N, C-alpha and C. Protein backbone atom coordinates (compact mmCIF):
# COMPACT_ATOMS: atom_id res chain seq x y z
N UNK A 1 6.81 -25.43 7.15
CA UNK A 1 5.59 -25.04 7.81
C UNK A 1 5.86 -24.53 9.21
N UNK A 2 6.79 -25.16 9.91
CA UNK A 2 7.06 -24.73 11.29
C UNK A 2 7.66 -23.33 11.34
N UNK A 3 8.42 -22.93 10.31
CA UNK A 3 8.98 -21.58 10.31
C UNK A 3 7.89 -20.52 10.12
N UNK A 4 6.84 -20.84 9.36
CA UNK A 4 5.72 -19.92 9.20
C UNK A 4 4.99 -19.78 10.53
N UNK A 5 4.76 -20.90 11.21
CA UNK A 5 4.09 -20.85 12.51
C UNK A 5 4.92 -20.09 13.53
N UNK A 6 6.22 -20.25 13.48
CA UNK A 6 7.10 -19.52 14.39
C UNK A 6 7.06 -18.03 14.09
N UNK A 7 7.10 -17.65 12.82
CA UNK A 7 7.05 -16.25 12.43
C UNK A 7 5.75 -15.60 12.86
N UNK A 8 4.64 -16.32 12.74
CA UNK A 8 3.34 -15.79 13.14
C UNK A 8 3.16 -15.77 14.65
N UNK A 9 4.09 -16.36 15.37
CA UNK A 9 4.00 -16.41 16.82
C UNK A 9 3.06 -17.47 17.34
N UNK A 10 2.88 -18.52 16.55
CA UNK A 10 1.97 -19.59 16.94
C UNK A 10 2.71 -20.81 17.48
N UNK A 11 4.02 -20.80 17.36
CA UNK A 11 4.84 -21.93 17.80
C UNK A 11 6.17 -21.39 18.29
N UNK A 12 6.68 -21.94 19.37
CA UNK A 12 7.97 -21.51 19.91
C UNK A 12 9.11 -22.25 19.23
N UNK A 13 10.27 -21.63 19.24
CA UNK A 13 11.47 -22.33 18.80
C UNK A 13 12.03 -23.08 20.00
N UNK A 14 13.03 -23.89 19.77
CA UNK A 14 13.61 -24.69 20.85
C UNK A 14 14.26 -23.81 21.92
N UNK A 15 14.78 -22.64 21.50
CA UNK A 15 15.56 -21.81 22.42
C UNK A 15 14.80 -20.59 22.96
N UNK A 16 13.71 -20.22 22.34
CA UNK A 16 13.04 -18.98 22.73
C UNK A 16 11.55 -19.21 22.95
N UNK A 17 10.96 -18.43 23.86
CA UNK A 17 9.52 -18.54 24.07
C UNK A 17 8.76 -17.87 22.91
N UNK A 18 7.46 -18.08 22.88
CA UNK A 18 6.63 -17.47 21.84
C UNK A 18 6.55 -15.97 22.08
N UNK A 19 6.90 -15.16 21.08
CA UNK A 19 6.82 -13.71 21.24
C UNK A 19 5.37 -13.24 21.17
N UNK A 20 5.11 -12.04 21.65
CA UNK A 20 3.79 -11.44 21.54
C UNK A 20 3.79 -10.56 20.29
N UNK A 21 3.00 -10.93 19.30
CA UNK A 21 2.95 -10.20 18.04
C UNK A 21 1.72 -9.32 17.90
N UNK A 22 1.08 -8.96 19.01
CA UNK A 22 -0.16 -8.17 18.96
C UNK A 22 0.05 -6.88 18.19
N UNK A 23 1.12 -6.17 18.47
CA UNK A 23 1.37 -4.89 17.80
C UNK A 23 1.58 -5.09 16.31
N UNK A 24 2.29 -6.13 15.94
CA UNK A 24 2.50 -6.41 14.51
C UNK A 24 1.18 -6.71 13.81
N UNK A 25 0.31 -7.48 14.47
CA UNK A 25 -1.01 -7.76 13.88
C UNK A 25 -1.84 -6.49 13.78
N UNK A 26 -1.76 -5.63 14.79
CA UNK A 26 -2.50 -4.36 14.73
C UNK A 26 -2.01 -3.48 13.59
N UNK A 27 -0.70 -3.32 13.48
CA UNK A 27 -0.13 -2.48 12.42
C UNK A 27 -0.42 -3.09 11.04
N UNK A 28 -0.26 -4.39 10.91
CA UNK A 28 -0.51 -5.05 9.63
C UNK A 28 -1.96 -4.90 9.19
N UNK A 29 -2.90 -5.07 10.13
CA UNK A 29 -4.31 -4.94 9.77
C UNK A 29 -4.70 -3.50 9.51
N UNK A 30 -4.08 -2.56 10.21
CA UNK A 30 -4.33 -1.14 9.92
C UNK A 30 -3.87 -0.82 8.50
N UNK A 31 -2.65 -1.27 8.16
CA UNK A 31 -2.11 -1.02 6.82
C UNK A 31 -2.97 -1.68 5.75
N UNK A 32 -3.43 -2.89 6.01
CA UNK A 32 -4.28 -3.58 5.04
C UNK A 32 -5.58 -2.81 4.82
N UNK A 33 -6.23 -2.41 5.93
CA UNK A 33 -7.51 -1.71 5.84
C UNK A 33 -7.38 -0.35 5.18
N UNK A 34 -6.37 0.41 5.59
CA UNK A 34 -6.25 1.79 5.11
C UNK A 34 -5.41 1.94 3.84
N UNK A 35 -4.56 1.00 3.58
CA UNK A 35 -3.67 1.12 2.43
C UNK A 35 -3.97 0.16 1.30
N UNK A 36 -3.87 -1.12 1.58
CA UNK A 36 -4.00 -2.14 0.53
C UNK A 36 -5.38 -2.09 -0.12
N UNK A 37 -6.43 -1.97 0.69
CA UNK A 37 -7.78 -1.97 0.13
C UNK A 37 -8.22 -0.61 -0.41
N UNK A 38 -7.42 0.41 -0.23
CA UNK A 38 -7.78 1.74 -0.73
C UNK A 38 -7.90 1.72 -2.25
N UNK A 39 -8.88 2.44 -2.74
CA UNK A 39 -9.07 2.52 -4.19
C UNK A 39 -8.28 3.66 -4.82
N UNK A 40 -7.66 4.48 -4.01
CA UNK A 40 -6.96 5.65 -4.55
C UNK A 40 -5.94 5.31 -5.64
N UNK A 41 -5.04 4.33 -5.44
CA UNK A 41 -4.08 4.02 -6.51
C UNK A 41 -4.77 3.60 -7.82
N UNK A 42 -5.77 2.75 -7.72
CA UNK A 42 -6.46 2.30 -8.94
C UNK A 42 -7.20 3.46 -9.61
N UNK A 43 -7.83 4.31 -8.82
CA UNK A 43 -8.54 5.46 -9.38
C UNK A 43 -7.58 6.44 -10.03
N UNK A 44 -6.41 6.62 -9.44
CA UNK A 44 -5.41 7.52 -10.05
C UNK A 44 -4.93 6.94 -11.38
N UNK A 45 -4.70 5.63 -11.39
CA UNK A 45 -4.25 4.96 -12.61
C UNK A 45 -5.29 5.10 -13.73
N UNK A 46 -6.56 5.00 -13.37
CA UNK A 46 -7.64 5.10 -14.34
C UNK A 46 -8.11 6.54 -14.57
N UNK A 47 -7.45 7.48 -13.94
CA UNK A 47 -7.77 8.91 -14.04
C UNK A 47 -9.19 9.23 -13.55
N UNK A 48 -9.57 8.56 -12.46
CA UNK A 48 -10.87 8.82 -11.84
C UNK A 48 -10.72 9.52 -10.50
N UNK A 49 -9.49 9.81 -10.10
CA UNK A 49 -9.25 10.37 -8.78
C UNK A 49 -9.37 11.90 -8.83
N UNK A 50 -10.23 12.41 -8.00
CA UNK A 50 -10.42 13.86 -7.88
C UNK A 50 -10.20 14.21 -6.42
N UNK A 51 -9.04 14.74 -6.11
CA UNK A 51 -8.64 14.94 -4.72
C UNK A 51 -9.51 15.94 -3.97
N UNK A 52 -10.25 16.77 -4.68
CA UNK A 52 -11.12 17.73 -4.01
C UNK A 52 -12.23 17.00 -3.25
N UNK A 53 -12.79 15.96 -3.85
CA UNK A 53 -13.86 15.18 -3.21
C UNK A 53 -13.68 13.70 -3.58
N UNK A 54 -12.63 13.05 -3.04
CA UNK A 54 -12.32 11.69 -3.47
C UNK A 54 -13.39 10.65 -3.13
N UNK A 55 -14.22 10.90 -2.14
CA UNK A 55 -15.27 9.93 -1.80
C UNK A 55 -16.39 9.93 -2.83
N UNK A 56 -16.40 10.90 -3.70
CA UNK A 56 -17.43 10.98 -4.73
C UNK A 56 -16.94 10.53 -6.10
N UNK A 57 -15.70 10.10 -6.17
CA UNK A 57 -15.11 9.73 -7.46
C UNK A 57 -15.97 8.73 -8.25
N UNK A 58 -16.32 7.63 -7.62
CA UNK A 58 -17.02 6.58 -8.34
C UNK A 58 -18.48 6.93 -8.59
N UNK A 59 -19.12 7.59 -7.64
CA UNK A 59 -20.53 7.93 -7.83
C UNK A 59 -20.69 9.07 -8.82
N UNK A 60 -19.80 10.04 -8.78
CA UNK A 60 -19.93 11.20 -9.66
C UNK A 60 -19.29 10.97 -11.03
N UNK A 61 -18.11 10.39 -11.05
CA UNK A 61 -17.35 10.29 -12.29
C UNK A 61 -17.28 8.87 -12.87
N UNK A 62 -17.61 7.86 -12.09
CA UNK A 62 -17.50 6.49 -12.55
C UNK A 62 -18.39 6.17 -13.73
N UNK A 63 -19.66 6.50 -13.60
CA UNK A 63 -20.61 6.22 -14.68
C UNK A 63 -20.25 7.00 -15.94
N UNK A 64 -19.82 8.24 -15.77
CA UNK A 64 -19.41 9.04 -16.93
C UNK A 64 -18.20 8.42 -17.61
N UNK A 65 -17.28 7.85 -16.83
CA UNK A 65 -16.10 7.20 -17.42
C UNK A 65 -16.50 5.96 -18.21
N UNK A 66 -17.51 5.22 -17.71
CA UNK A 66 -18.00 4.05 -18.44
C UNK A 66 -18.64 4.51 -19.75
N UNK A 67 -19.48 5.52 -19.68
CA UNK A 67 -20.18 6.02 -20.87
C UNK A 67 -19.20 6.56 -21.91
N UNK A 68 -18.10 7.15 -21.44
CA UNK A 68 -17.09 7.69 -22.35
C UNK A 68 -16.13 6.62 -22.86
N UNK A 69 -16.24 5.41 -22.35
CA UNK A 69 -15.36 4.33 -22.79
C UNK A 69 -13.99 4.34 -22.14
N UNK A 70 -13.81 5.13 -21.08
CA UNK A 70 -12.51 5.18 -20.40
C UNK A 70 -12.27 3.93 -19.55
N UNK A 71 -13.34 3.38 -18.98
CA UNK A 71 -13.25 2.14 -18.21
C UNK A 71 -14.45 1.28 -18.57
N UNK A 72 -14.38 0.03 -18.22
CA UNK A 72 -15.49 -0.88 -18.49
C UNK A 72 -16.44 -0.90 -17.29
N UNK A 73 -17.63 -1.39 -17.51
CA UNK A 73 -18.60 -1.56 -16.42
C UNK A 73 -18.02 -2.50 -15.35
N UNK A 74 -17.34 -3.53 -15.80
CA UNK A 74 -16.75 -4.50 -14.87
C UNK A 74 -15.69 -3.82 -13.98
N UNK A 75 -14.86 -2.95 -14.58
CA UNK A 75 -13.86 -2.22 -13.79
C UNK A 75 -14.54 -1.32 -12.76
N UNK A 76 -15.58 -0.63 -13.16
CA UNK A 76 -16.30 0.24 -12.24
C UNK A 76 -16.91 -0.56 -11.10
N UNK A 77 -17.54 -1.68 -11.42
CA UNK A 77 -18.15 -2.51 -10.38
C UNK A 77 -17.10 -3.05 -9.41
N UNK A 78 -15.95 -3.44 -9.94
CA UNK A 78 -14.87 -3.95 -9.08
C UNK A 78 -14.36 -2.83 -8.17
N UNK A 79 -14.20 -1.64 -8.72
CA UNK A 79 -13.77 -0.51 -7.89
C UNK A 79 -14.79 -0.21 -6.80
N UNK A 80 -16.05 -0.30 -7.12
CA UNK A 80 -17.09 -0.08 -6.11
C UNK A 80 -17.03 -1.13 -5.01
N UNK A 81 -16.79 -2.38 -5.41
CA UNK A 81 -16.67 -3.44 -4.39
C UNK A 81 -15.42 -3.23 -3.55
N UNK A 82 -14.34 -2.79 -4.19
CA UNK A 82 -13.11 -2.54 -3.44
C UNK A 82 -13.31 -1.39 -2.47
N UNK A 83 -14.00 -0.37 -2.89
CA UNK A 83 -14.28 0.76 -2.00
C UNK A 83 -15.14 0.31 -0.81
N UNK A 84 -16.09 -0.58 -1.07
CA UNK A 84 -16.92 -1.11 0.01
C UNK A 84 -16.09 -2.00 0.95
N UNK A 85 -15.19 -2.79 0.40
CA UNK A 85 -14.32 -3.64 1.23
C UNK A 85 -13.40 -2.77 2.08
N UNK A 86 -12.91 -1.69 1.51
CA UNK A 86 -12.06 -0.74 2.23
C UNK A 86 -12.83 -0.14 3.41
N UNK A 87 -14.05 0.33 3.16
CA UNK A 87 -14.87 0.91 4.22
C UNK A 87 -15.18 -0.13 5.29
N UNK A 88 -15.48 -1.34 4.88
CA UNK A 88 -15.80 -2.40 5.83
C UNK A 88 -14.60 -2.73 6.70
N UNK A 89 -13.43 -2.78 6.11
CA UNK A 89 -12.22 -3.08 6.88
C UNK A 89 -11.94 -1.99 7.92
N UNK A 90 -12.16 -0.76 7.54
CA UNK A 90 -11.95 0.35 8.47
C UNK A 90 -12.99 0.30 9.59
N UNK A 91 -14.23 -0.04 9.24
CA UNK A 91 -15.29 -0.13 10.24
C UNK A 91 -15.04 -1.28 11.21
N UNK A 92 -14.48 -2.37 10.75
CA UNK A 92 -14.23 -3.53 11.59
C UNK A 92 -12.97 -3.45 12.43
N UNK A 93 -12.06 -2.57 12.05
CA UNK A 93 -10.76 -2.48 12.74
C UNK A 93 -10.89 -2.13 14.22
N UNK A 94 -11.77 -1.22 14.64
CA UNK A 94 -11.87 -0.92 16.09
C UNK A 94 -12.22 -2.14 16.95
N UNK A 95 -13.04 -3.04 16.44
CA UNK A 95 -13.36 -4.25 17.20
C UNK A 95 -12.10 -5.09 17.40
N UNK A 96 -11.27 -5.17 16.38
CA UNK A 96 -10.02 -5.91 16.50
C UNK A 96 -9.08 -5.25 17.50
N UNK A 97 -9.01 -3.92 17.47
CA UNK A 97 -8.18 -3.20 18.43
C UNK A 97 -8.66 -3.50 19.85
N UNK A 98 -9.98 -3.41 20.06
CA UNK A 98 -10.54 -3.71 21.39
C UNK A 98 -10.21 -5.13 21.81
N UNK A 99 -10.34 -6.07 20.90
CA UNK A 99 -10.05 -7.47 21.21
C UNK A 99 -8.59 -7.65 21.61
N UNK A 100 -7.68 -7.03 20.87
CA UNK A 100 -6.26 -7.15 21.21
C UNK A 100 -5.95 -6.47 22.54
N UNK A 101 -6.56 -5.33 22.80
CA UNK A 101 -6.32 -4.64 24.07
C UNK A 101 -6.82 -5.46 25.26
N UNK A 102 -7.99 -6.06 25.13
CA UNK A 102 -8.51 -6.91 26.20
C UNK A 102 -7.59 -8.12 26.38
N UNK A 103 -7.18 -8.72 25.29
CA UNK A 103 -6.28 -9.87 25.37
C UNK A 103 -4.97 -9.50 26.06
N UNK A 104 -4.43 -8.35 25.74
CA UNK A 104 -3.19 -7.91 26.37
C UNK A 104 -3.41 -7.54 27.83
N UNK A 105 -4.48 -6.84 28.11
CA UNK A 105 -4.77 -6.39 29.48
C UNK A 105 -5.01 -7.57 30.42
N UNK A 106 -5.59 -8.61 29.92
CA UNK A 106 -5.89 -9.77 30.76
C UNK A 106 -4.78 -10.82 30.74
N UNK A 107 -3.67 -10.46 30.12
CA UNK A 107 -2.49 -11.34 30.09
C UNK A 107 -2.79 -12.72 29.51
N UNK A 108 -3.54 -12.75 28.42
CA UNK A 108 -3.74 -14.02 27.74
C UNK A 108 -2.38 -14.51 27.25
N UNK A 109 -2.19 -15.81 27.14
CA UNK A 109 -0.91 -16.33 26.64
C UNK A 109 -0.60 -15.80 25.24
N UNK A 110 0.68 -15.61 24.96
CA UNK A 110 1.09 -15.07 23.66
C UNK A 110 0.59 -15.91 22.50
N UNK A 111 0.59 -17.23 22.64
CA UNK A 111 0.12 -18.06 21.53
C UNK A 111 -1.37 -17.84 21.28
N UNK A 112 -2.14 -17.55 22.33
CA UNK A 112 -3.57 -17.26 22.16
C UNK A 112 -3.75 -15.91 21.47
N UNK A 113 -3.02 -14.90 21.92
CA UNK A 113 -3.10 -13.57 21.30
C UNK A 113 -2.69 -13.65 19.83
N UNK A 114 -1.58 -14.32 19.58
CA UNK A 114 -1.11 -14.44 18.19
C UNK A 114 -2.06 -15.27 17.34
N UNK A 115 -2.65 -16.30 17.94
CA UNK A 115 -3.62 -17.12 17.20
C UNK A 115 -4.84 -16.30 16.79
N UNK A 116 -5.33 -15.48 17.71
CA UNK A 116 -6.48 -14.63 17.40
C UNK A 116 -6.08 -13.60 16.35
N UNK A 117 -4.89 -13.03 16.47
CA UNK A 117 -4.40 -12.07 15.47
C UNK A 117 -4.28 -12.70 14.09
N UNK A 118 -3.74 -13.90 14.04
CA UNK A 118 -3.59 -14.60 12.75
C UNK A 118 -4.96 -14.97 12.18
N UNK A 119 -5.85 -15.45 13.03
CA UNK A 119 -7.21 -15.81 12.61
C UNK A 119 -7.91 -14.60 12.01
N UNK A 120 -7.86 -13.48 12.72
CA UNK A 120 -8.49 -12.25 12.21
C UNK A 120 -7.86 -11.82 10.89
N UNK A 121 -6.54 -11.82 10.84
CA UNK A 121 -5.82 -11.36 9.64
C UNK A 121 -6.16 -12.22 8.43
N UNK A 122 -6.11 -13.52 8.57
CA UNK A 122 -6.43 -14.41 7.45
C UNK A 122 -7.88 -14.21 7.02
N UNK A 123 -8.77 -14.10 8.00
CA UNK A 123 -10.19 -13.89 7.68
C UNK A 123 -10.40 -12.59 6.93
N UNK A 124 -9.76 -11.52 7.38
CA UNK A 124 -9.97 -10.20 6.76
C UNK A 124 -9.32 -10.11 5.38
N UNK A 125 -8.15 -10.71 5.21
CA UNK A 125 -7.53 -10.70 3.88
C UNK A 125 -8.37 -11.51 2.91
N UNK A 126 -8.83 -12.68 3.33
CA UNK A 126 -9.69 -13.50 2.47
C UNK A 126 -11.01 -12.78 2.19
N UNK A 127 -11.56 -12.11 3.21
CA UNK A 127 -12.79 -11.33 3.03
C UNK A 127 -12.57 -10.23 1.99
N UNK A 128 -11.46 -9.49 2.11
CA UNK A 128 -11.17 -8.42 1.16
C UNK A 128 -11.05 -8.94 -0.26
N UNK A 129 -10.34 -10.04 -0.42
CA UNK A 129 -10.20 -10.64 -1.76
C UNK A 129 -11.55 -11.10 -2.30
N UNK A 130 -12.33 -11.74 -1.42
CA UNK A 130 -13.64 -12.22 -1.84
C UNK A 130 -14.54 -11.05 -2.23
N UNK A 131 -14.50 -10.00 -1.45
CA UNK A 131 -15.35 -8.84 -1.71
C UNK A 131 -15.02 -8.24 -3.08
N UNK A 132 -13.73 -8.08 -3.34
CA UNK A 132 -13.30 -7.43 -4.59
C UNK A 132 -13.48 -8.34 -5.80
N UNK A 133 -13.18 -9.61 -5.66
CA UNK A 133 -13.11 -10.49 -6.83
C UNK A 133 -14.38 -11.27 -7.14
N UNK A 134 -15.20 -11.55 -6.14
CA UNK A 134 -16.40 -12.35 -6.40
C UNK A 134 -17.49 -11.48 -6.99
N UNK A 135 -17.99 -11.91 -8.14
CA UNK A 135 -19.02 -11.14 -8.85
C UNK A 135 -20.40 -11.80 -8.80
N UNK A 136 -20.45 -13.07 -8.46
CA UNK A 136 -21.73 -13.78 -8.51
C UNK A 136 -22.43 -13.74 -7.16
N UNK A 137 -23.74 -13.74 -7.21
CA UNK A 137 -24.57 -13.72 -6.00
C UNK A 137 -24.31 -14.96 -5.15
N UNK A 138 -24.27 -16.12 -5.76
CA UNK A 138 -24.09 -17.36 -5.01
C UNK A 138 -22.78 -17.39 -4.24
N UNK A 139 -21.68 -17.05 -4.90
CA UNK A 139 -20.37 -17.08 -4.25
C UNK A 139 -20.20 -15.94 -3.25
N UNK A 140 -21.01 -14.90 -3.36
CA UNK A 140 -20.86 -13.76 -2.45
C UNK A 140 -21.14 -14.15 -1.00
N UNK A 141 -21.84 -15.25 -0.77
CA UNK A 141 -22.10 -15.69 0.60
C UNK A 141 -20.83 -16.16 1.29
N UNK A 142 -19.83 -16.57 0.51
CA UNK A 142 -18.53 -16.90 1.08
C UNK A 142 -17.96 -15.67 1.78
N UNK A 143 -18.15 -14.52 1.19
CA UNK A 143 -17.70 -13.26 1.80
C UNK A 143 -18.32 -13.07 3.18
N UNK A 144 -19.61 -13.39 3.30
CA UNK A 144 -20.29 -13.25 4.60
C UNK A 144 -19.70 -14.20 5.64
N UNK A 145 -19.38 -15.40 5.23
CA UNK A 145 -18.77 -16.37 6.14
C UNK A 145 -17.41 -15.84 6.62
N UNK A 146 -16.65 -15.27 5.72
CA UNK A 146 -15.34 -14.73 6.08
C UNK A 146 -15.47 -13.51 6.99
N UNK A 147 -16.48 -12.69 6.76
CA UNK A 147 -16.74 -11.54 7.63
C UNK A 147 -17.03 -12.02 9.04
N UNK A 148 -17.90 -13.02 9.15
CA UNK A 148 -18.23 -13.56 10.46
C UNK A 148 -17.01 -14.19 11.12
N UNK A 149 -16.18 -14.86 10.36
CA UNK A 149 -14.98 -15.48 10.91
C UNK A 149 -14.09 -14.43 11.59
N UNK A 150 -13.88 -13.31 10.92
CA UNK A 150 -13.07 -12.24 11.51
C UNK A 150 -13.69 -11.71 12.79
N UNK A 151 -15.00 -11.52 12.78
CA UNK A 151 -15.68 -11.00 13.97
C UNK A 151 -15.68 -12.03 15.10
N UNK A 152 -15.85 -13.29 14.78
CA UNK A 152 -15.84 -14.32 15.81
C UNK A 152 -14.45 -14.39 16.47
N UNK A 153 -13.40 -14.16 15.70
CA UNK A 153 -12.07 -14.15 16.31
C UNK A 153 -11.98 -13.05 17.37
N UNK A 154 -12.53 -11.89 17.08
CA UNK A 154 -12.52 -10.78 18.04
C UNK A 154 -13.40 -11.09 19.25
N UNK A 155 -14.57 -11.64 19.00
CA UNK A 155 -15.48 -12.00 20.09
C UNK A 155 -14.83 -13.05 20.99
N UNK A 156 -14.10 -13.97 20.37
CA UNK A 156 -13.38 -14.99 21.15
C UNK A 156 -12.38 -14.33 22.09
N UNK A 157 -11.62 -13.38 21.60
CA UNK A 157 -10.65 -12.67 22.46
C UNK A 157 -11.36 -11.94 23.59
N UNK A 158 -12.49 -11.31 23.28
CA UNK A 158 -13.22 -10.57 24.31
C UNK A 158 -13.78 -11.51 25.37
N UNK A 159 -14.31 -12.64 24.95
CA UNK A 159 -14.90 -13.59 25.89
C UNK A 159 -13.80 -14.26 26.74
N UNK A 160 -12.78 -14.75 26.09
CA UNK A 160 -11.68 -15.41 26.83
C UNK A 160 -11.01 -14.42 27.77
N UNK A 161 -10.76 -13.21 27.29
CA UNK A 161 -10.17 -12.19 28.16
C UNK A 161 -11.13 -11.79 29.27
N UNK A 162 -12.39 -11.66 28.95
CA UNK A 162 -13.39 -11.28 29.94
C UNK A 162 -13.49 -12.28 31.07
N UNK A 163 -13.29 -13.52 30.79
CA UNK A 163 -13.32 -14.57 31.83
C UNK A 163 -12.19 -14.41 32.84
N UNK A 164 -11.11 -13.77 32.40
CA UNK A 164 -9.96 -13.58 33.30
C UNK A 164 -10.09 -12.32 34.15
N UNK A 165 -11.06 -11.49 33.86
CA UNK A 165 -11.23 -10.25 34.65
C UNK A 165 -11.86 -10.51 36.00
């Protein structure tokens, strides 16, 4: 467990201080939002990807693919949720960037910066999984809690950093 905490920048080793992993958290969350949650690979695999207008793939061709028996309704619904999770992650990323920049600008301790980065990352990955995989109305509220958790991590960085200005 201590090696995971050290890797995440949440705990120092005996010989070295805690590194600042802000850039790693920024790059990792950018890749998650723009790459991992992207529906393009799944749509290409299911032959629903139309590069001329890829944002219209599911609305224009998804229902036709269900009617033709190429994909199931469940697959289409999951792709729609994944596309929504992808858009949400991209929309939320600027707040995280702002939070990290304020944290860096105000010289917050590295363990605080890394803690906020880890908190945001875990919240957003769990949010993405919940968004894509949860199909029931009742369990979907877990997704909202995870969304708020990610945003609260950013607000925490802004408030703590703002106090140092």
